[in-house]
């Protein structure tokens, strides 16, 4: 399945990329699966996307929980929580 990845703010800065198109394995079904798959890319990825980190995920521009399904052509985004003030 082909999906678009987007990385924003400090996540983008730490990973050194803002977006990429990837083909993910058929075993990936959720946004959380994508997160864990990306963590396997190496230590920096594992640290930036680690469980317990303040991190939000969105699928097709909607903030979602980790168990949200992904689909062909969707956009999965990762970003830190945003506060106003």
C-alpha atoms as a PDB file:
ATOM      1  CA  UNK A   1       0.000   0.000   0.000  1.00  0.00           C
ATOM      2  CA  UNK A   2       1.263   3.461  -0.916  1.00  0.00           C
ATOM      3  CA  UNK A   3       0.825   6.252   1.665  1.00  0.00           C
ATOM      4  CA  UNK A   4       2.126   9.779   2.230  1.00  0.00           C
ATOM      5  CA  UNK A   5       4.017  10.603   5.415  1.00  0.00           C
ATOM      6  CA  UNK A   6       4.208  14.132   6.830  1.00  0.00           C
ATOM      7  CA  UNK A   7       6.340  15.332   9.724  1.00  0.00           C
ATOM      8  CA  UNK A   8       5.843  18.705  11.405  1.00  0.00           C
ATOM      9  CA  UNK A   9       7.642  21.066  13.813  1.00  0.00           C
ATOM     10  CA  UNK A  10      10.213  19.422  16.111  1.00  0.00           C
ATOM     11  CA  UNK A  11       9.490  15.976  14.654  1.00  0.00           C
ATOM     12  CA  UNK A  12      10.466  17.278  11.198  1.00  0.00           C
ATOM     13  CA  UNK A  13      13.574  18.952  12.586  1.00  0.00           C
ATOM     14  CA  UNK A  14      14.765  15.867  14.439  1.00  0.00           C
ATOM     15  CA  UNK A  15      14.121  13.479  11.540  1.00  0.00           C
ATOM     16  CA  UNK A  16      15.476  15.864   8.904  1.00  0.00           C
ATOM     17  CA  UNK A  17      12.532  15.414   6.559  1.00  0.00           C
ATOM     18  CA  UNK A  18       9.081  16.912   6.145  1.00  0.00           C
ATOM     19  CA  UNK A  19       7.438  14.325   3.916  1.00  0.00           C
ATOM     20  CA  UNK A  20       7.872  11.208   1.859  1.00  0.00           C
ATOM     21  CA  UNK A  21       5.834   8.744  -0.132  1.00  0.00           C
ATOM     22  CA  UNK A  22       6.314   5.160   1.001  1.00  0.00           C
ATOM     23  CA  UNK A  23       5.067   1.700   0.246  1.00  0.00           C
ATOM     24  CA  UNK A  24       4.234   0.007   3.529  1.00  0.00           C
ATOM     25  CA  UNK A  25       3.956  -3.738   4.119  1.00  0.00           C
ATOM     26  CA  UNK A  26       0.484  -5.262   3.863  1.00  0.00           C
ATOM     27  CA  UNK A  27       0.715  -6.149   7.561  1.00  0.00           C
ATOM     28  CA  UNK A  28       0.382  -2.479   8.534  1.00  0.00           C
ATOM     29  CA  UNK A  29      -3.255  -1.658   9.191  1.00  0.00           C
ATOM     30  CA  UNK A  30      -3.293   1.331  11.587  1.00  0.00           C
ATOM     31  CA  UNK A  31      -1.575   4.654  12.241  1.00  0.00           C
ATOM     32  CA  UNK A  32       0.079   3.027  15.257  1.00  0.00           C
ATOM     33  CA  UNK A  33       1.428   0.249  13.022  1.00  0.00           C
ATOM     34  CA  UNK A  34       2.990   2.916  10.791  1.00  0.00           C
ATOM     35  CA  UNK A  35       4.576   4.561  13.834  1.00  0.00           C
ATOM     36  CA  UNK A  36       6.145   1.271  14.969  1.00  0.00           C
ATOM     37  CA  UNK A  37       7.312   0.468  11.434  1.00  0.00           C
ATOM     38  CA  UNK A  38       9.038   3.846  11.213  1.00  0.00           C
ATOM     39  CA  UNK A  39      10.659   3.342  14.627  1.00  0.00           C
ATOM     40  CA  UNK A  40      12.441   0.301  13.180  1.00  0.00           C
ATOM     41  CA  UNK A  41      14.339   2.592  10.770  1.00  0.00           C
ATOM     42  CA  UNK A  42      16.969   3.302  13.394  1.00  0.00           C
ATOM     43  CA  UNK A  43      17.831   4.960  16.701  1.00  0.00           C
ATOM     44  CA  UNK A  44      16.830   8.514  15.775  1.00  0.00           C
ATOM     45  CA  UNK A  45      13.467   7.349  14.449  1.00  0.00           C
ATOM     46  CA  UNK A  46      12.929   5.122  17.492  1.00  0.00           C
ATOM     47  CA  UNK A  47      13.691   8.014  19.841  1.00  0.00           C
ATOM     48  CA  UNK A  48      11.583  10.653  18.070  1.00  0.00           C
ATOM     49  CA  UNK A  49       8.550   8.374  17.637  1.00  0.00           C
ATOM     50  CA  UNK A  50       8.899   6.420  20.920  1.00  0.00           C
ATOM     51  CA  UNK A  51       5.853   5.410  22.915  1.00  0.00           C
ATOM     52  CA  UNK A  52       5.416   7.753  25.836  1.00  0.00           C
ATOM     53  CA  UNK A  53       6.600  10.753  23.812  1.00  0.00           C
ATOM     54  CA  UNK A  54       4.196  13.653  23.481  1.00  0.00           C
ATOM     55  CA  UNK A  55       3.259  13.003  19.865  1.00  0.00           C
ATOM     56  CA  UNK A  56       0.090  13.368  17.833  1.00  0.00           C
ATOM     57  CA  UNK A  57      -0.893  11.438  14.734  1.00  0.00           C
ATOM     58  CA  UNK A  58      -3.323  12.375  12.015  1.00  0.00           C
ATOM     59  CA  UNK A  59      -4.802  10.427   9.118  1.00  0.00           C
ATOM     60  CA  UNK A  60      -6.062  12.536   6.240  1.00  0.00           C
ATOM     61  CA  UNK A  61      -5.898  15.752   8.313  1.00  0.00           C
ATOM     62  CA  UNK A  62      -7.846  14.373  11.289  1.00  0.00           C
ATOM     63  CA  UNK A  63      -6.134  13.812  14.659  1.00  0.00           C
ATOM     64  CA  UNK A  64      -6.626  10.143  15.444  1.00  0.00           C
ATOM     65  CA  UNK A  65      -5.822   7.469  18.024  1.00  0.00           C
ATOM     66  CA  UNK A  66      -3.216   4.821  17.195  1.00  0.00           C
ATOM     67  CA  UNK A  67      -5.822   2.194  16.290  1.00  0.00           C
ATOM     68  CA  UNK A  68      -7.228   4.234  13.378  1.00  0.00           C
ATOM     69  CA  UNK A  69      -7.156   2.336  10.083  1.00  0.00           C
ATOM     70  CA  UNK A  70      -4.995   3.491   7.201  1.00  0.00           C
ATOM     71  CA  UNK A  71      -5.879   3.050   3.542  1.00  0.00           C
ATOM     72  CA  UNK A  72      -4.313   3.269   0.104  1.00  0.00           C
ATOM     73  CA  UNK A  73      -3.230   6.815  -0.669  1.00  0.00           C
ATOM     74  CA  UNK A  74      -3.862   8.213   2.796  1.00  0.00           C
ATOM     75  CA  UNK A  75      -1.700  10.800   4.503  1.00  0.00           C
ATOM     76  CA  UNK A  76      -0.296   9.928   7.933  1.00  0.00           C
ATOM     77  CA  UNK A  77       1.175  12.863   9.840  1.00  0.00           C
ATOM     78  CA  UNK A  78       3.213  13.075  13.034  1.00  0.00           C
ATOM     79  CA  UNK A  79       3.595  16.239  15.111  1.00  0.00           C
ATOM     80  CA  UNK A  80       4.077  17.415  18.683  1.00  0.00           C
ATOM     81  CA  UNK A  81       1.081  18.673  20.661  1.00  0.00           C
ATOM     82  CA  UNK A  82       0.372  22.321  20.014  1.00  0.00           C
ATOM     83  CA  UNK A  83      -0.509  24.774  22.745  1.00  0.00           C
ATOM     84  CA  UNK A  84      -1.967  28.193  22.365  1.00  0.00           C
ATOM     85  CA  UNK A  85      -1.408  31.250  24.411  1.00  0.00           C
END
